[in-house]
Amino acid sequence: PDWFKWRPDGTVQYAENPPKKYQDVLPVNFETEDWENLWQE
């Protein structure tokens, strides 16, 4: 779960390109502290 961005309301941040919304797609959070494992995966 730390590979993704979570909003204050407990929902995960989906992809957006306003005004377009991509509720079915979650971008990966490359600023995660677990970035090394993310990169390797």
All heavy atoms as atom14 arrays in JSON, in Angstrom:
{
  "sequence": "PDWFKWRPDGTVQYAENPPKKYQDVLPVNFETEDWENLWQE",
  "atom14_mask": [
    [1, 1, 1, 1, 1, 1, 1, 0, 0, 0, 0, 0, 0, 0],
    [1, 1, 1, 1, 1, 1, 1, 1, 0, 0, 0, 0, 0, 0],
    [1, 1, 1, 1, 1, 1, 1, 1, 1, 1, 1, 1, 1, 1],
    [1, 1, 1, 1, 1, 1, 1, 1, 1, 1, 1, 0, 0, 0],
    [1, 1, 1, 1, 1, 1, 1, 1, 1, 0, 0, 0, 0, 0],
    [1, 1, 1, 1, 1, 1, 1, 1, 1, 1, 1, 1, 1, 1],
    [1, 1, 1, 1, 1, 1, 1, 1, 1, 1, 1, 0, 0, 0],
    [1, 1, 1, 1, 1, 1, 1, 0, 0, 0, 0, 0, 0, 0],
    [1, 1, 1, 1, 1, 1, 1, 1, 0, 0, 0, 0, 0, 0],
    [1, 1, 1, 1, 0, 0, 0, 0, 0, 0, 0, 0, 0, 0],
    [1, 1, 1, 1, 1, 1, 1, 0, 0, 0, 0, 0, 0, 0],
    [1, 1, 1, 1, 1, 1, 1, 0, 0, 0, 0, 0, 0, 0],
    [1, 1, 1, 1, 1, 1, 1, 1, 1, 0, 0, 0, 0, 0],
    [1, 1, 1, 1, 1, 1, 1, 1, 1, 1, 1, 1, 0, 0],
    [1, 1, 1, 1, 1, 0, 0, 0, 0, 0, 0, 0, 0, 0],
    [1, 1, 1, 1, 1, 1, 1, 1, 1, 0, 0, 0, 0, 0],
    [1, 1, 1, 1, 1, 1, 1, 1, 0, 0, 0, 0, 0, 0],
    [1, 1, 1, 1, 1, 1, 1, 0, 0, 0, 0, 0, 0, 0],
    [1, 1, 1, 1, 1, 1, 1, 0, 0, 0, 0, 0, 0, 0],
    [1, 1, 1, 1, 1, 1, 1, 1, 1, 0, 0, 0, 0, 0],
    [1, 1, 1, 1, 1, 1, 1, 1, 1, 0, 0, 0, 0, 0],
    [1, 1, 1, 1, 1, 1, 1, 1, 1, 1, 1, 1, 0, 0],
    [1, 1, 1, 1, 1, 1, 1, 1, 1, 0, 0, 0, 0, 0],
    [1, 1, 1, 1, 1, 1, 1, 1, 0, 0, 0, 0, 0, 0],
    [1, 1, 1, 1, 1, 1, 1, 0, 0, 0, 0, 0, 0, 0],
    [1, 1, 1, 1, 1, 1, 1, 1, 0, 0, 0, 0, 0, 0],
    [1, 1, 1, 1, 1, 1, 1, 0, 0, 0, 0, 0, 0, 0],
    [1, 1, 1, 1, 1, 1, 1, 0, 0, 0, 0, 0, 0, 0],
    [1, 1, 1, 1, 1, 1, 1, 1, 0, 0, 0, 0, 0, 0],
    [1, 1, 1, 1, 1, 1, 1, 1, 1, 1, 1, 0, 0, 0],
    [1, 1, 1, 1, 1, 1, 1, 1, 1, 0, 0, 0, 0, 0],
    [1, 1, 1, 1, 1, 1, 1, 0, 0, 0, 0, 0, 0, 0],
    [1, 1, 1, 1, 1, 1, 1, 1, 1, 0, 0, 0, 0, 0],
    [1, 1, 1, 1, 1, 1, 1, 1, 0, 0, 0, 0, 0, 0],
    [1, 1, 1, 1, 1, 1, 1, 1, 1, 1, 1, 1, 1, 1],
    [1, 1, 1, 1, 1, 1, 1, 1, 1, 0, 0, 0, 0, 0],
    [1, 1, 1, 1, 1, 1, 1, 1, 0, 0, 0, 0, 0, 0],
    [1, 1, 1, 1, 1, 1, 1, 1, 0, 0, 0, 0, 0, 0],
    [1, 1, 1, 1, 1, 1, 1, 1, 1, 1, 1, 1, 1, 1],
    [1, 1, 1, 1, 1, 1, 1, 1, 1, 0, 0, 0, 0, 0],
    [1, 1, 1, 1, 1, 1, 1, 1, 1, 0, 0, 0, 0, 0]
  ],
  "atom14_positions": [
    [[0.81, -1.23, 0.0], [0.0, 0.0, 0.0], [0.84, 1.27, 0.0], [0.37, 2.32, -0.47], [-0.82, -0.12, 1.29], [-0.07, -1.1, 2.14], [0.57, -2.05, 1.19], [0.0, 0.0, 0.0], [0.0, 0.0, 0.0], [0.0, 0.0, 0.0], [0.0, 0.0, 0.0], [0.0, 0.0, 0.0], [0.0, 0.0, 0.0], [0.0, 0.0, 0.0]],
    [[2.08, 1.17, 0.49], [2.94, 2.36, 0.53], [3.48, 2.72, -0.85], [4.16, 3.74, -1.0], [4.1, 2.17, 1.52], [4.83, 0.85, 1.32], [4.22, -0.08, 0.76], [6.0, 0.76, 1.72], [0.0, 0.0, 0.0], [0.0, 0.0, 0.0], [0.0, 0.0, 0.0], [0.0, 0.0, 0.0], [0.0, 0.0, 0.0], [0.0, 0.0, 0.0]],
    [[3.19, 1.92, -1.86], [3.58, 2.26, -3.23], [2.56, 3.18, -3.9], [2.71, 3.54, -5.06], [3.74, 1.0, -4.08], [4.96, 0.17, -3.71], [5.88, 0.45, -2.74], [5.37, -1.06, -4.3], [6.84, -0.53, -2.69], [6.56, -1.48, -3.65], [4.86, -1.86, -5.32], [7.23, -2.66, -3.98], [5.52, -3.04, -5.66], [6.7, -3.42, -4.99]],
    [[1.52, 3.56, -3.17], [0.45, 4.39, -3.73], [0.2, 5.58, -2.8], [0.63, 5.6, -1.64], [-0.83, 3.56, -3.91], [-0.62, 2.35, -4.79], [-0.22, 1.14, -4.24], [-0.77, 2.44, -6.16], [0.0, 0.03, -5.05], [-0.55, 1.34, -6.97], [-0.16, 0.13, -6.41], [0.0, 0.0, 0.0], [0.0, 0.0, 0.0], [0.0, 0.0, 0.0]],
    [[-0.49, 6.57, -3.33], [-0.82, 7.76, -2.54], [-2.23, 7.6, -1.96], [-3.18, 7.27, -2.68], [-0.75, 9.02, -3.41], [0.66, 9.41, -3.8], [0.68, 10.72, -4.58], [2.12, 11.12, -4.92], [2.17, 12.4, -5.68], [0.0, 0.0, 0.0], [0.0, 0.0, 0.0], [0.0, 0.0, 0.0], [0.0, 0.0, 0.0], [0.0, 0.0, 0.0]],
    [[-2.35, 7.89, -0.67], [-3.63, 7.77, 0.02], [-4.08, 9.15, 0.49], [-3.31, 9.92, 1.02], [-3.5, 6.81, 1.2], [-3.15, 5.42, 0.74], [-1.91, 4.93, 0.49], [-4.06, 4.39, 0.41], [-1.98, 3.64, 0.03], [-3.3, 3.27, -0.03], [-5.46, 4.27, 0.44], [-3.89, 2.08, -0.43], [-6.04, 3.07, 0.05], [-5.26, 1.98, -0.38]],
    [[-5.34, 9.42, 0.26], [-5.89, 10.74, 0.59], [-6.39, 10.76, 2.04], [-6.56, 9.71, 2.67], [-7.02, 11.06, -0.4], [-6.52, 11.09, -1.84], [-7.57, 11.56, -2.82], [-8.72, 10.65, -2.92], [-9.69, 10.79, -3.81], [-9.65, 11.79, -4.69], [-10.69, 9.93, -3.85], [0.0, 0.0, 0.0], [0.0, 0.0, 0.0], [0.0, 0.0, 0.0]],
    [[-6.62, 11.97, 2.57], [-7.04, 12.08, 3.99], [-8.3, 11.3, 4.32], [-8.5, 10.9, 5.47], [-7.25, 13.57, 4.18], [-6.35, 14.21, 3.17], [-6.37, 13.29, 1.98], [0.0, 0.0, 0.0], [0.0, 0.0, 0.0], [0.0, 0.0, 0.0], [0.0, 0.0, 0.0], [0.0, 0.0, 0.0], [0.0, 0.0, 0.0], [0.0, 0.0, 0.0]],
    [[-9.19, 11.07, 3.32], [-10.43, 10.35, 3.61], [-10.26, 8.84, 3.56], [-11.23, 8.09, 3.65], [-11.54, 10.79, 2.65], [-11.23, 10.45, 1.2], [-10.13, 9.95, 0.93], [-12.09, 10.7, 0.33], [0.0, 0.0, 0.0], [0.0, 0.0, 0.0], [0.0, 0.0, 0.0], [0.0, 0.0, 0.0], [0.0, 0.0, 0.0], [0.0, 0.0, 0.0]],
    [[-9.0, 8.38, 3.39], [-8.73, 6.95, 3.39], [-8.84, 6.29, 2.03], [-8.63, 5.09, 1.91], [0.0, 0.0, 0.0], [0.0, 0.0, 0.0], [0.0, 0.0, 0.0], [0.0, 0.0, 0.0], [0.0, 0.0, 0.0], [0.0, 0.0, 0.0], [0.0, 0.0, 0.0], [0.0, 0.0, 0.0], [0.0, 0.0, 0.0], [0.0, 0.0, 0.0]],
    [[-9.17, 7.06, 1.0], [-9.23, 6.51, -0.35], [-7.89, 6.7, -1.05], [-7.1, 7.59, -0.71], [-10.35, 7.19, -1.18], [-10.06, 8.59, -1.26], [-11.7, 6.97, -0.52], [0.0, 0.0, 0.0], [0.0, 0.0, 0.0], [0.0, 0.0, 0.0], [0.0, 0.0, 0.0], [0.0, 0.0, 0.0], [0.0, 0.0, 0.0], [0.0, 0.0, 0.0]],
    [[-7.67, 5.87, -2.05], [-6.41, 5.93, -2.78], [-6.54, 6.92, -3.93], [-7.61, 7.06, -4.54], [-6.01, 4.52, -3.28], [-7.0, 4.01, -4.31], [-4.59, 4.52, -3.83], [0.0, 0.0, 0.0], [0.0, 0.0, 0.0], [0.0, 0.0, 0.0], [0.0, 0.0, 0.0], [0.0, 0.0, 0.0], [0.0, 0.0, 0.0], [0.0, 0.0, 0.0]],
    [[-5.45, 7.62, -4.22], [-5.46, 8.63, -5.28], [-5.44, 7.96, -6.65], [-4.53, 7.21, -6.97], [-4.24, 9.54, -5.15], [-4.11, 10.59, -6.24], [-5.24, 11.6, -6.21], [-5.44, 12.24, -5.2], [-5.97, 11.72, -7.3], [0.0, 0.0, 0.0], [0.0, 0.0, 0.0], [0.0, 0.0, 0.0], [0.0, 0.0, 0.0], [0.0, 0.0, 0.0]],
    [[-6.46, 8.22, -7.46], [-6.47, 7.69, -8.83], [-5.86, 8.72, -9.78], [-5.55, 9.86, -9.41], [-7.88, 7.3, -9.26], [-8.93, 8.4, -9.15], [-9.0, 9.43, -10.08], [-9.86, 8.39, -8.12], [-9.95, 10.42, -9.98], [-10.83, 9.38, -8.0], [-10.87, 10.39, -8.94], [-11.81, 11.38, -8.85], [0.0, 0.0, 0.0], [0.0, 0.0, 0.0]],
    [[-5.66, 8.31, -11.01], [-5.01, 9.17, -12.0], [-5.98, 10.24, -12.49], [-7.18, 9.99, -12.66], [-4.51, 8.34, -13.18], [0.0, 0.0, 0.0], [0.0, 0.0, 0.0], [0.0, 0.0, 0.0], [0.0, 0.0, 0.0], [0.0, 0.0, 0.0], [0.0, 0.0, 0.0], [0.0, 0.0, 0.0], [0.0, 0.0, 0.0], [0.0, 0.0, 0.0]],
    [[-5.44, 11.43, -12.71], [-6.24, 12.54, -13.23], [-5.42, 13.34, -14.24], [-4.2, 13.45, -14.12], [-6.67, 13.48, -12.1], [-7.63, 12.87, -11.11], [-8.09, 13.88, -10.07], [-9.07, 14.6, -10.35], [-7.45, 13.96, -9.01], [0.0, 0.0, 0.0], [0.0, 0.0, 0.0], [0.0, 0.0, 0.0], [0.0, 0.0, 0.0], [0.0, 0.0, 0.0]],
    [[-6.11, 13.87, -15.2], [-5.55, 14.84, -16.14], [-6.67, 15.82, -16.42], [-7.32, 15.75, -17.47], [-5.07, 14.15, -17.41], [-4.39, 15.13, -18.37], [-4.03, 16.24, -18.0], [-4.25, 14.72, -19.63], [0.0, 0.0, 0.0], [0.0, 0.0, 0.0], [0.0, 0.0, 0.0], [0.0, 0.0, 0.0], [0.0, 0.0, 0.0], [0.0, 0.0, 0.0]],
    [[-6.95, 16.7, -15.43], [-8.16, 17.54, -15.48], [-8.4, 18.15, -16.86], [-7.45, 18.62, -17.49], [-7.87, 18.62, -14.42], [-6.92, 17.96, -13.48], [-6.07, 17.05, -14.34], [0.0, 0.0, 0.0], [0.0, 0.0, 0.0], [0.0, 0.0, 0.0], [0.0, 0.0, 0.0], [0.0, 0.0, 0.0], [0.0, 0.0, 0.0], [0.0, 0.0, 0.0]],
    [[-9.66, 18.06, -17.34], [-10.85, 17.6, -16.61], [-11.04, 16.07, -16.64], [-12.02, 15.58, -16.1], [-11.99, 18.29, -17.36], [-11.49, 18.36, -18.77], [-10.0, 18.62, -18.67], [0.0, 0.0, 0.0], [0.0, 0.0, 0.0], [0.0, 0.0, 0.0], [0.0, 0.0, 0.0], [0.0, 0.0, 0.0], [0.0, 0.0, 0.0], [0.0, 0.0, 0.0]],
    [[-10.13, 15.33, -17.27], [-10.28, 13.89, -17.35], [-9.96, 13.24, -16.01], [-9.05, 13.65, -15.3], [-9.38, 13.3, -18.44], [-9.74, 13.72, -19.86], [-8.81, 13.06, -20.86], [-9.16, 13.45, -22.29], [-8.25, 12.81, -23.28], [0.0, 0.0, 0.0], [0.0, 0.0, 0.0], [0.0, 0.0, 0.0], [0.0, 0.0, 0.0], [0.0, 0.0, 0.0]],
    [[-10.74, 12.21, -15.68], [-10.5, 11.42, -14.49], [-10.41, 9.95, -14.88], [-11.18, 9.47, -15.7], [-11.63, 11.63, -13.47], [-11.73, 13.05, -12.93], [-12.84, 13.17, -11.89], [-12.92, 14.58, -11.33], [-13.97, 14.68, -10.27], [0.0, 0.0, 0.0], [0.0, 0.0, 0.0], [0.0, 0.0, 0.0], [0.0, 0.0, 0.0], [0.0, 0.0, 0.0]],
    [[-9.46, 9.26, -14.26], [-9.24, 7.85, -14.56], [-9.42, 7.07, -13.24], [-8.46, 6.6, -12.63], [-7.85, 7.62, -15.14], [-7.57, 8.44, -16.39], [-6.95, 9.69, -16.31], [-7.93, 7.97, -17.64], [-6.71, 10.44, -17.45], [-7.69, 8.71, -18.79], [-7.08, 9.95, -18.68], [-6.84, 10.68, -19.81], [0.0, 0.0, 0.0], [0.0, 0.0, 0.0]],
    [[-10.68, 6.92, -12.85], [-10.96, 6.3, -11.55], [-10.51, 4.85, -11.5], [-10.33, 4.29, -10.41], [-12.46, 6.38, -11.24], [-12.97, 7.8, -11.06], [-13.47, 8.42, -12.36], [-13.08, 8.0, -13.45], [-14.34, 9.43, -12.25], [0.0, 0.0, 0.0], [0.0, 0.0, 0.0], [0.0, 0.0, 0.0], [0.0, 0.0, 0.0], [0.0, 0.0, 0.0]],
    [[-10.34, 4.23, -12.66], [-9.96, 2.81, -12.71], [-8.45, 2.61, -12.73], [-7.98, 1.47, -12.85], [-10.58, 2.14, -13.94], [-10.2, 2.82, -15.25], [-9.81, 4.02, -15.22], [-10.28, 2.17, -16.3], [0.0, 0.0, 0.0], [0.0, 0.0, 0.0], [0.0, 0.0, 0.0], [0.0, 0.0, 0.0], [0.0, 0.0, 0.0], [0.0, 0.0, 0.0]],
    [[-7.67, 3.69, -12.61], [-6.21, 3.6, -12.72], [-5.57, 4.31, -11.53], [-5.87, 5.47, -11.24], [-5.71, 4.23, -14.04], [-4.19, 4.29, -14.04], [-6.2, 3.42, -15.23], [0.0, 0.0, 0.0], [0.0, 0.0, 0.0], [0.0, 0.0, 0.0], [0.0, 0.0, 0.0], [0.0, 0.0, 0.0], [0.0, 0.0, 0.0], [0.0, 0.0, 0.0]],
    [[-4.65, 3.63, -10.87], [-3.9, 4.21, -9.76], [-2.45, 4.43, -10.17], [-1.77, 3.47, -10.55], [-3.94, 3.28, -8.54], [-5.31, 2.79, -8.07], [-5.14, 1.91, -6.83], [-6.24, 3.96, -7.78], [0.0, 0.0, 0.0], [0.0, 0.0, 0.0], [0.0, 0.0, 0.0], [0.0, 0.0, 0.0], [0.0, 0.0, 0.0], [0.0, 0.0, 0.0]],
    [[-1.96, 5.66, -10.1], [-0.54, 5.89, -10.38], [0.31, 5.39, -9.22], [-0.12, 5.38, -8.06], [-0.44, 7.41, -10.53], [-1.57, 7.93, -9.71], [-2.68, 6.91, -9.78], [0.0, 0.0, 0.0], [0.0, 0.0, 0.0], [0.0, 0.0, 0.0], [0.0, 0.0, 0.0], [0.0, 0.0, 0.0], [0.0, 0.0, 0.0], [0.0, 0.0, 0.0]],
    [[1.53, 4.99, -9.53], [2.47, 4.52, -8.51], [3.17, 5.72, -7.88], [3.53, 6.69, -8.57], [3.49, 3.54, -9.12], [4.62, 3.24, -8.15], [2.79, 2.26, -9.55], [0.0, 0.0, 0.0], [0.0, 0.0, 0.0], [0.0, 0.0, 0.0], [0.0, 0.0, 0.0], [0.0, 0.0, 0.0], [0.0, 0.0, 0.0], [0.0, 0.0, 0.0]],
    [[3.38, 5.67, -6.58], [4.04, 6.74, -5.85], [5.54, 6.49, -5.81], [6.03, 5.68, -5.01], [3.49, 6.83, -4.43], [4.21, 7.86, -3.58], [4.82, 8.8, -4.12], [4.14, 7.7, -2.27], [0.0, 0.0, 0.0], [0.0, 0.0, 0.0], [0.0, 0.0, 0.0], [0.0, 0.0, 0.0], [0.0, 0.0, 0.0], [0.0, 0.0, 0.0]],
    [[6.28, 7.18, -6.65], [7.73, 6.97, -6.72], [8.48, 7.67, -5.6], [9.69, 7.51, -5.49], [8.26, 7.44, -8.08], [8.13, 6.4, -9.15], [6.97, 6.31, -9.91], [9.15, 5.5, -9.4], [6.83, 5.34, -10.89], [9.02, 4.53, -10.38], [7.86, 4.44, -11.12], [0.0, 0.0, 0.0], [0.0, 0.0, 0.0], [0.0, 0.0, 0.0]],
    [[7.77, 8.41, -4.75], [8.42, 9.03, -3.6], [8.27, 8.18, -2.34], [8.58, 8.63, -1.24], [7.86, 10.44, -3.38], [8.22, 11.39, -4.51], [7.74, 12.81, -4.25], [6.92, 13.01, -3.33], [8.19, 13.72, -4.97], [0.0, 0.0, 0.0], [0.0, 0.0, 0.0], [0.0, 0.0, 0.0], [0.0, 0.0, 0.0], [0.0, 0.0, 0.0]],
    [[7.82, 6.96, -2.52], [7.71, 6.07, -1.38], [9.07, 5.8, -0.75], [10.09, 5.74, -1.45], [7.06, 4.73, -1.8], [7.09, 3.83, -0.68], [7.83, 4.09, -2.94], [0.0, 0.0, 0.0], [0.0, 0.0, 0.0], [0.0, 0.0, 0.0], [0.0, 0.0, 0.0], [0.0, 0.0, 0.0], [0.0, 0.0, 0.0], [0.0, 0.0, 0.0]],
    [[9.09, 5.61, 0.56], [10.34, 5.27, 1.23], [10.83, 3.89, 0.82], [12.01, 3.57, 0.97], [10.16, 5.34, 2.75], [9.92, 6.76, 3.27], [9.83, 6.81, 4.79], [10.0, 5.75, 5.42], [9.59, 7.92, 5.32], [0.0, 0.0, 0.0], [0.0, 0.0, 0.0], [0.0, 0.0, 0.0], [0.0, 0.0, 0.0], [0.0, 0.0, 0.0]],
    [[9.94, 3.1, 0.28], [10.3, 1.75, -0.18], [10.66, 1.75, -1.66], [10.45, 0.76, -2.36], [9.11, 0.8, 0.08], [9.49, -0.66, -0.06], [10.65, -1.02, 0.26], [8.63, -1.45, -0.5], [0.0, 0.0, 0.0], [0.0, 0.0, 0.0], [0.0, 0.0, 0.0], [0.0, 0.0, 0.0], [0.0, 0.0, 0.0], [0.0, 0.0, 0.0]],
    [[11.23, 2.84, -2.13], [11.46, 3.01, -3.57], [12.41, 1.96, -4.15], [12.27, 1.57, -5.31], [11.98, 4.42, -3.87], [13.32, 4.74, -3.29], [13.57, 5.3, -2.07], [14.6, 4.53, -3.9], [14.92, 5.46, -1.88], [15.57, 4.99, -2.99], [15.01, 4.0, -5.12], [16.94, 4.94, -3.27], [16.37, 3.94, -5.4], [17.32, 4.4, -4.48]],
    [[13.36, 1.5, -3.36], [14.31, 0.52, -3.91], [13.62, -0.79, -4.26], [13.87, -1.38, -5.32], [15.45, 0.29, -2.92], [16.38, 1.48, -2.77], [17.52, 1.21, -1.81], [18.56, 0.71, -2.26], [17.36, 1.5, -0.61], [0.0, 0.0, 0.0], [0.0, 0.0, 0.0], [0.0, 0.0, 0.0], [0.0, 0.0, 0.0], [0.0, 0.0, 0.0]],
    [[12.75, -1.27, -3.37], [12.01, -2.49, -3.67], [11.04, -2.28, -4.83], [10.83, -3.18, -5.65], [11.25, -2.97, -2.43], [12.18, -3.56, -1.38], [13.17, -4.21, -1.72], [11.88, -3.32, -0.11], [0.0, 0.0, 0.0], [0.0, 0.0, 0.0], [0.0, 0.0, 0.0], [0.0, 0.0, 0.0], [0.0, 0.0, 0.0], [0.0, 0.0, 0.0]],
    [[10.44, -1.08, -4.89], [9.56, -0.76, -6.01], [10.33, -0.83, -7.33], [9.87, -1.46, -8.29], [8.97, 0.64, -5.81], [8.21, 1.22, -7.0], [6.98, 0.38, -7.32], [7.82, 2.68, -6.74], [0.0, 0.0, 0.0], [0.0, 0.0, 0.0], [0.0, 0.0, 0.0], [0.0, 0.0, 0.0], [0.0, 0.0, 0.0], [0.0, 0.0, 0.0]],
    [[11.5, -0.21, -7.38], [12.29, -0.23, -8.61], [12.64, -1.65, -9.01], [12.52, -2.02, -10.19], [13.58, 0.58, -8.39], [13.44, 2.06, -8.42], [12.32, 2.78, -8.12], [14.46, 3.01, -8.72], [12.57, 4.13, -8.22], [13.88, 4.29, -8.6], [15.79, 2.9, -9.08], [14.6, 5.46, -8.82], [16.53, 4.06, -9.3], [15.94, 5.33, -9.18]],
    [[13.07, -2.45, -8.07], [13.47, -3.82, -8.38], [12.27, -4.63, -8.9], [12.41, -5.44, -9.82], [14.07, -4.49, -7.15], [15.43, -3.95, -6.73], [16.54, -4.27, -7.73], [16.38, -5.08, -8.65], [17.67, -3.6, -7.56], [0.0, 0.0, 0.0], [0.0, 0.0, 0.0], [0.0, 0.0, 0.0], [0.0, 0.0, 0.0], [0.0, 0.0, 0.0]],
    [[11.11, -4.4, -8.32], [9.93, -5.13, -8.77], [9.55, -4.73, -10.19], [9.21, -5.58, -11.03], [8.75, -4.87, -7.82], [7.44, -5.49, -8.26], [7.48, -7.01, -8.35], [8.37, -7.64, -7.76], [6.6, -7.57, -9.03], [0.0, 0.0, 0.0], [0.0, 0.0, 0.0], [0.0, 0.0, 0.0], [0.0, 0.0, 0.0], [0.0, 0.0, 0.0]]
  ]
}
